[in-house]
Amino acid sequence: MWSGEYIAFLALATIAISGGILMLNLTKVIHMLLSLVFTFLSIAGLYVLLSAEFIAAVQVLIYSGAVTIIMLFGIMLTKHNDQTLDLTGGWRRFGVFLGVLAFGLIMFMGIKNLSPAVQNVALENENTKQIGLALYSKFIIPFELTSIVLLVALIGAIILAKRDEDEGDNHE
């Protein structure tokens, strides 16, 4: 019962849940961002346990890397003053605790009543290759359209940031 996979799952799940709770309860934005990174990395570890190495690598590269860096740049570019505000009153902490407890109980009851059919399923040995083949043959147009949408969003963000900077210079 206490195999290495089980212990790794418990450790990664605990880190993911703790990171989420810390993100809700911390007051400094940078600390919240770091707890989000811990959550993303532990979820990538859970993907590795599920033999989804490609999804784990994408999780690390996109979420833990790119999204976190974009959020960090957003914080730095908005001239965010890193003052600690006491917004975590007793009622908020109690509400967060109740929400986490309710979510945990719902998940426990769902898993407890689940009876998966035991069947021999051959996992794809080259799952990354299969994803690449599907992505670049069957889904090439949506893949390229997504990159164009992201490029347009980046250009729009730069234009909006420049406009706000120019308006700030005129008002001073």
C-alpha atoms as a PDB file:
ATOM      1  CA  MET A   1       0.000   0.000   0.000  1.00  0.00           C
ATOM      2  CA  TRP A   2       2.802   2.479   0.795  1.00  0.00           C
ATOM      3  CA  SER A   3       4.617   2.260  -2.514  1.00  0.00           C
ATOM      4  CA  GLY A   4       6.953   4.928  -3.824  1.00  0.00           C
ATOM      5  CA  GLU A   5       4.290   6.196  -6.237  1.00  0.00           C
ATOM      6  CA  TYR A   6       1.793   6.555  -3.413  1.00  0.00           C
ATOM      7  CA  ILE A   7       4.220   8.506  -1.234  1.00  0.00           C
ATOM      8  CA  ALA A   8       5.201  10.717  -4.190  1.00  0.00           C
ATOM      9  CA  PHE A   9       1.524  11.349  -4.937  1.00  0.00           C
ATOM     10  CA  LEU A  10       0.813  12.315  -1.335  1.00  0.00           C
ATOM     11  CA  ALA A  11       3.818  14.661  -1.239  1.00  0.00           C
ATOM     12  CA  LEU A  12       2.996  16.332  -4.572  1.00  0.00           C
ATOM     13  CA  ALA A  13      -0.698  16.626  -3.760  1.00  0.00           C
ATOM     14  CA  THR A  14       0.122  18.181  -0.387  1.00  0.00           C
ATOM     15  CA  ILE A  15       2.446  20.709  -2.036  1.00  0.00           C
ATOM     16  CA  ALA A  16      -0.181  21.563  -4.668  1.00  0.00           C
ATOM     17  CA  ILE A  17      -2.939  22.066  -2.110  1.00  0.00           C
ATOM     18  CA  SER A  18      -0.637  23.990   0.245  1.00  0.00           C
ATOM     19  CA  GLY A  19       0.484  26.258  -2.600  1.00  0.00           C
ATOM     20  CA  GLY A  20      -3.139  27.012  -3.470  1.00  0.00           C
ATOM     21  CA  ILE A  21      -4.048  27.770   0.133  1.00  0.00           C
ATOM     22  CA  LEU A  22      -0.953  29.948   0.554  1.00  0.00           C
ATOM     23  CA  MET A  23      -1.809  31.856  -2.609  1.00  0.00           C
ATOM     24  CA  LEU A  24      -5.226  32.681  -1.189  1.00  0.00           C
ATOM     25  CA  ASN A  25      -3.874  33.722   2.197  1.00  0.00           C
ATOM     26  CA  LEU A  26      -0.645  35.594   1.413  1.00  0.00           C
ATOM     27  CA  THR A  27      -0.765  39.380   1.063  1.00  0.00           C
ATOM     28  CA  LYS A  28       2.338  40.198  -0.998  1.00  0.00           C
ATOM     29  CA  VAL A  29       1.892  39.636  -4.715  1.00  0.00           C
ATOM     30  CA  ILE A  30       5.388  38.221  -5.213  1.00  0.00           C
ATOM     31  CA  HIS A  31       4.834  35.663  -2.453  1.00  0.00           C
ATOM     32  CA  MET A  32       1.507  34.716  -4.033  1.00  0.00           C
ATOM     33  CA  LEU A  33       3.285  34.222  -7.347  1.00  0.00           C
ATOM     34  CA  LEU A  34       5.898  31.954  -5.761  1.00  0.00           C
ATOM     35  CA  SER A  35       3.223  29.807  -4.145  1.00  0.00           C
ATOM     36  CA  LEU A  36       1.553  29.551  -7.557  1.00  0.00           C
ATOM     37  CA  VAL A  37       4.858  28.320  -9.022  1.00  0.00           C
ATOM     38  CA  PHE A  38       5.060  25.601  -6.346  1.00  0.00           C
ATOM     39  CA  THR A  39       1.521  24.548  -7.229  1.00  0.00           C
ATOM     40  CA  PHE A  40       2.330  24.419 -10.961  1.00  0.00           C
ATOM     41  CA  LEU A  41       5.502  22.393 -10.399  1.00  0.00           C
ATOM     42  CA  SER A  42       3.780  19.888  -8.136  1.00  0.00           C
ATOM     43  CA  ILE A  43       1.012  19.419 -10.700  1.00  0.00           C
ATOM     44  CA  ALA A  44       3.720  18.736 -13.288  1.00  0.00           C
ATOM     45  CA  GLY A  45       5.061  16.075 -10.927  1.00  0.00           C
ATOM     46  CA  LEU A  46       1.601  14.533 -10.765  1.00  0.00           C
ATOM     47  CA  TYR A  47       1.540  14.398 -14.560  1.00  0.00           C
ATOM     48  CA  VAL A  48       4.842  12.509 -14.482  1.00  0.00           C
ATOM     49  CA  LEU A  49       3.277  10.001 -12.100  1.00  0.00           C
ATOM     50  CA  LEU A  50       0.484   9.526 -14.641  1.00  0.00           C
ATOM     51  CA  SER A  51       3.063   8.774 -17.384  1.00  0.00           C
ATOM     52  CA  ALA A  52       2.210  11.993 -19.224  1.00  0.00           C
ATOM     53  CA  GLU A  53       5.722  13.344 -19.596  1.00  0.00           C
ATOM     54  CA  PHE A  54       4.861  15.684 -22.463  1.00  0.00           C
ATOM     55  CA  ILE A  55       2.062  17.329 -20.489  1.00  0.00           C
ATOM     56  CA  ALA A  56       4.412  17.647 -17.503  1.00  0.00           C
ATOM     57  CA  ALA A  57       7.048  19.360 -19.663  1.00  0.00           C
ATOM     58  CA  VAL A  58       4.422  21.704 -21.115  1.00  0.00           C
ATOM     59  CA  GLN A  59       3.177  22.444 -17.592  1.00  0.00           C
ATOM     60  CA  VAL A  60       6.671  23.430 -16.483  1.00  0.00           C
ATOM     61  CA  LEU A  61       7.522  25.422 -19.605  1.00  0.00           C
ATOM     62  CA  ILE A  62       4.247  27.256 -20.118  1.00  0.00           C
ATOM     63  CA  TYR A  63       2.728  27.665 -16.690  1.00  0.00           C
ATOM     64  CA  SER A  64       5.693  27.626 -14.346  1.00  0.00           C
ATOM     65  CA  GLY A  65       7.880  29.501 -16.805  1.00  0.00           C
ATOM     66  CA  ALA A  66       6.046  31.700 -19.258  1.00  0.00           C
ATOM     67  CA  VAL A  67       2.876  32.574 -17.352  1.00  0.00           C
ATOM     68  CA  THR A  68       4.793  33.290 -14.164  1.00  0.00           C
ATOM     69  CA  ILE A  69       7.285  35.518 -15.988  1.00  0.00           C
ATOM     70  CA  ILE A  70       4.451  37.382 -17.710  1.00  0.00           C
ATOM     71  CA  MET A  71       2.747  37.937 -14.356  1.00  0.00           C
ATOM     72  CA  LEU A  72       6.028  39.116 -12.852  1.00  0.00           C
ATOM     73  CA  PHE A  73       6.562  41.566 -15.729  1.00  0.00           C
ATOM     74  CA  GLY A  74       2.994  42.770 -15.291  1.00  0.00           C
ATOM     75  CA  ILE A  75       3.656  43.455 -11.629  1.00  0.00           C
ATOM     76  CA  MET A  76       6.897  45.279 -12.395  1.00  0.00           C
ATOM     77  CA  LEU A  77       5.478  47.324 -15.293  1.00  0.00           C
ATOM     78  CA  THR A  78       2.444  48.545 -13.370  1.00  0.00           C
ATOM     79  CA  LYS A  79       4.653  50.186 -10.751  1.00  0.00           C
ATOM     80  CA  HIS A  80       3.116  48.000  -8.097  1.00  0.00           C
ATOM     81  CA  ASN A  81       4.087  49.166  -4.640  1.00  0.00           C
ATOM     82  CA  ASP A  82       4.665  46.082  -2.571  1.00  0.00           C
ATOM     83  CA  GLN A  83       2.948  47.206   0.600  1.00  0.00           C
ATOM     84  CA  THR A  84       1.447  44.603   2.837  1.00  0.00           C
ATOM     85  CA  LEU A  85      -2.252  45.133   3.415  1.00  0.00           C
ATOM     86  CA  ASP A  86      -4.074  43.182   6.083  1.00  0.00           C
ATOM     87  CA  LEU A  87      -6.971  41.854   4.028  1.00  0.00           C
ATOM     88  CA  THR A  88      -7.060  38.427   5.621  1.00  0.00           C
ATOM     89  CA  GLY A  89      -9.543  38.862   8.412  1.00  0.00           C
ATOM     90  CA  GLY A  90     -10.885  36.056  10.528  1.00  0.00           C
ATOM     91  CA  TRP A  91     -14.040  35.634   8.444  1.00  0.00           C
ATOM     92  CA  ARG A  92     -12.086  35.380   5.207  1.00  0.00           C
ATOM     93  CA  ARG A  93      -9.769  32.738   6.622  1.00  0.00           C
ATOM     94  CA  PHE A  94     -12.743  30.829   7.998  1.00  0.00           C
ATOM     95  CA  GLY A  95     -14.471  31.020   4.609  1.00  0.00           C
ATOM     96  CA  VAL A  96     -11.348  29.763   2.837  1.00  0.00           C
ATOM     97  CA  PHE A  97     -11.049  26.930   5.337  1.00  0.00           C
ATOM     98  CA  LEU A  98     -14.694  25.945   4.830  1.00  0.00           C
ATOM     99  CA  GLY A  99     -14.317  26.085   1.047  1.00  0.00           C
ATOM    100  CA  VAL A 100     -11.211  23.888   1.092  1.00  0.00           C
ATOM    101  CA  LEU A 101     -12.862  21.478   3.523  1.00  0.00           C
ATOM    102  CA  ALA A 102     -16.025  21.251   1.403  1.00  0.00           C
ATOM    103  CA  PHE A 103     -13.992  20.707  -1.770  1.00  0.00           C
ATOM    104  CA  GLY A 104     -11.933  18.004  -0.046  1.00  0.00           C
ATOM    105  CA  LEU A 105     -15.046  16.220   1.213  1.00  0.00           C
ATOM    106  CA  ILE A 106     -16.714  16.338  -2.201  1.00  0.00           C
ATOM    107  CA  MET A 107     -13.587  14.953  -3.865  1.00  0.00           C
ATOM    108  CA  PHE A 108     -13.250  12.260  -1.183  1.00  0.00           C
ATOM    109  CA  MET A 109     -16.857  11.137  -1.599  1.00  0.00           C
ATOM    110  CA  GLY A 110     -16.503  11.121  -5.385  1.00  0.00           C
ATOM    111  CA  ILE A 111     -13.349   9.022  -5.259  1.00  0.00           C
ATOM    112  CA  LYS A 112     -14.679   6.746  -2.524  1.00  0.00           C
ATOM    113  CA  ASN A 113     -17.805   5.852  -4.531  1.00  0.00           C
ATOM    114  CA  LEU A 114     -15.847   5.416  -7.760  1.00  0.00           C
ATOM    115  CA  SER A 115     -15.403   1.876  -8.935  1.00  0.00           C
ATOM    116  CA  PRO A 116     -13.235   1.907 -12.048  1.00  0.00           C
ATOM    117  CA  ALA A 117     -13.370  -1.133 -14.266  1.00  0.00           C
ATOM    118  CA  VAL A 118     -10.076  -2.969 -14.195  1.00  0.00           C
ATOM    119  CA  GLN A 119      -8.842  -3.545 -17.703  1.00  0.00           C
ATOM    120  CA  ASN A 120      -5.523  -3.947 -19.382  1.00  0.00           C
ATOM    121  CA  VAL A 121      -4.827  -0.767 -21.265  1.00  0.00           C
ATOM    122  CA  ALA A 122      -1.620  -0.534 -23.213  1.00  0.00           C
ATOM    123  CA  LEU A 123      -0.166   2.921 -22.718  1.00  0.00           C
ATOM    124  CA  GLU A 124       1.389   4.531 -25.738  1.00  0.00           C
ATOM    125  CA  ASN A 125       5.146   4.225 -25.383  1.00  0.00           C
ATOM    126  CA  GLU A 126       5.819   7.170 -27.654  1.00  0.00           C
ATOM    127  CA  ASN A 127       3.093   9.504 -26.410  1.00  0.00           C
ATOM    128  CA  THR A 128       5.120  12.635 -27.184  1.00  0.00           C
ATOM    129  CA  LYS A 129       5.607  11.477 -30.760  1.00  0.00           C
ATOM    130  CA  GLN A 130       1.888  10.750 -31.117  1.00  0.00           C
ATOM    131  CA  ILE A 131       0.975  14.198 -29.763  1.00  0.00           C
ATOM    132  CA  GLY A 132       3.436  15.840 -32.162  1.00  0.00           C
ATOM    133  CA  LEU A 133       2.080  13.930 -35.131  1.00  0.00           C
ATOM    134  CA  ALA A 134      -1.499  14.846 -34.259  1.00  0.00           C
ATOM    135  CA  LEU A 135      -0.620  18.479 -33.524  1.00  0.00           C
ATOM    136  CA  TYR A 136       1.329  19.094 -36.719  1.00  0.00           C
ATOM    137  CA  SER A 137      -0.892  17.101 -39.072  1.00  0.00           C
ATOM    138  CA  LYS A 138      -4.499  17.105 -37.899  1.00  0.00           C
ATOM    139  CA  PHE A 139      -4.493  20.305 -35.801  1.00  0.00           C
ATOM    140  CA  ILE A 140      -1.981  22.509 -37.618  1.00  0.00           C
ATOM    141  CA  ILE A 141      -4.450  25.296 -38.474  1.00  0.00           C
ATOM    142  CA  PRO A 142      -5.771  25.763 -34.887  1.00  0.00           C
ATOM    143  CA  PHE A 143      -2.174  25.581 -33.642  1.00  0.00           C
ATOM    144  CA  GLU A 144      -1.056  28.378 -35.968  1.00  0.00           C
ATOM    145  CA  LEU A 145      -4.181  30.452 -35.277  1.00  0.00           C
ATOM    146  CA  THR A 146      -3.427  30.234 -31.566  1.00  0.00           C
ATOM    147  CA  SER A 147       0.053  31.638 -32.147  1.00  0.00           C
ATOM    148  CA  ILE A 148      -1.432  34.533 -34.164  1.00  0.00           C
ATOM    149  CA  VAL A 149      -3.964  35.287 -31.400  1.00  0.00           C
ATOM    150  CA  LEU A 150      -1.161  35.320 -28.810  1.00  0.00           C
ATOM    151  CA  LEU A 151       0.926  37.636 -30.993  1.00  0.00           C
ATOM    152  CA  VAL A 152      -2.013  40.043 -31.412  1.00  0.00           C
ATOM    153  CA  ALA A 153      -2.608  40.001 -27.641  1.00  0.00           C
ATOM    154  CA  LEU A 154       1.070  40.789 -27.005  1.00  0.00           C
ATOM    155  CA  ILE A 155       1.035  43.707 -29.468  1.00  0.00           C
ATOM    156  CA  GLY A 156      -2.211  44.992 -27.942  1.00  0.00           C
ATOM    157  CA  ALA A 157      -0.733  44.847 -24.440  1.00  0.00           C
ATOM    158  CA  ILE A 158       2.321  46.817 -25.589  1.00  0.00           C
ATOM    159  CA  ILE A 159       0.126  49.462 -27.259  1.00  0.00           C
ATOM    160  CA  LEU A 160      -2.052  49.790 -24.145  1.00  0.00           C
ATOM    161  CA  ALA A 161       1.010  50.043 -21.889  1.00  0.00           C
ATOM    162  CA  LYS A 162       2.529  52.748 -24.122  1.00  0.00           C
ATOM    163  CA  ARG A 163      -0.765  54.666 -24.220  1.00  0.00           C
ATOM    164  CA  ASP A 164      -1.065  54.580 -20.410  1.00  0.00           C
ATOM    165  CA  GLU A 165       2.582  55.690 -20.103  1.00  0.00           C
ATOM    166  CA  ASP A 166       2.029  58.589 -22.515  1.00  0.00           C
ATOM    167  CA  GLU A 167      -1.155  59.681 -20.704  1.00  0.00           C
ATOM    168  CA  GLY A 168       0.712  59.527 -17.377  1.00  0.00           C
ATOM    169  CA  ASP A 169       3.417  61.816 -18.750  1.00  0.00           C
ATOM    170  CA  ASN A 170       0.831  64.365 -19.946  1.00  0.00           C
ATOM    171  CA  HIS A 171      -0.937  64.554 -16.575  1.00  0.00           C
ATOM    172  CA  GLU A 172       2.199  65.202 -14.534  1.00  0.00           C
END
